[in-house]
Amino acid sequence: MVTLTNVHGIEVRSLSYGAIICSIRVPDRDGRFDDVVLGHETFEGYIERSSYFGAVVGRFANRIAKGRFTLDGTTYQLATNNGANHLHGGVKGFDKKVWTAEPFENGGNVGVIWGYTSRDGEEGYPGTLTARVTYTLTANDEVIVDYDASTDKATLINLTQHTYFNLAGDGSGDILGHELTIDADAFTPVDDAQIPTGEIAVVQGTPFDFRVASTIGARIDADDEQIRRGRGYDHNFVINRSSGGLVRAALVVEPKSGRTLTVATTEPGVQLYSGNSLDGTIAGKSGHVYGRQSGLCLETQHFPDSPNHANFPSTVLRLGERFQSRTVFAFGVTSRQ
């Protein structure tokens, strides 16, 4: 385990297994520190019941229809682990691999570089992919996640961080009262198997309109086909951007504690997942039982099933190219109650 602590006492802990972020301790408006991510107290817990808690997921985050794609005229069959589809890198994706660690300090920032090499053919993917994920805890109370990868043959890549947040504190109940803003005018609707249809749909007039802050629970049970298909929110939002670079994707405010989380990214999309599959059968830290919607994920990413939709941003990485991406999780507090 690697522990990072900044000058304000904020603490981030991560594991070599899955490069998992297993704890983030931040203060509320009264200065009280709590762990605001779901997970386990022991390494064994992550092996036995992971639900992707805190992990880096890849080689391709989210779903690929029927685990199949064609690249440069060759069709590849990936492992299928979500019904007939491929999810989060397959049966043994990056979340279940042991990463190497290289801790560092740099001008008041502390961090760790996690490294993993995915061999040609792993889970069906072509090419040997060398990946590095860097977690940096800054003096400005930011957790910066930098992704970097190269390959020896054309392949796919779509990495994300799958931390479940509850800004009221781990084990404090559901996240339905969290206030959420997502800077997205559109989202990608899904079919019954939660595979994107290829449509880019406007959020206006739907339960997916978070352009103005709304509690997550306000419309999560709406009479809406997409809500039913996700059993809540489990959808990719198309982040508004006028140019490349880092832009804000989302803002979360937990009114009772005053804690805030701002998510910025260079990625084109963010998956809002409201913890719909948590069913009360997983006991996490301090014996906390994780019921439905007890945590939320904001997974910055390229779009699901991108290789099968020509109108989606490409996820192809070729020999001589580098995949580089950044996501920033910035923590703060608001005095508003």
Foldseek 3Di string as FASTA:
>chain_A
DDWDAAPLGWIWDAAQQQSFGAFTWDAFPVGDIFTFWFFAPDPVQCVVDNPLARGKFDQAAAKAALQWFDDPRDIWHFAADQVSIAHRQHPCTSNGDGWDWDWDDDDRKTKIKTWDWDDACRRGWGWIKTKIWMWIQHNQQKTKIKIKMATPFKTFGKIWTWIWGDPVHPLPDFQQQKKKAFQFQWWFAADLSRAGPLDTGGCPPHLPHRNDIDGQNPCLPPPDPRSVSLVGFFTKGFHDDPDADKDWGMKIARQPRQKIKTKIKRARIWTKRQQQPQCQPRQHPPRRGDHRRRTITTIRIFHHNVSVHVVGDGRMHGHPDMDIMMMMIHMDGDPHD
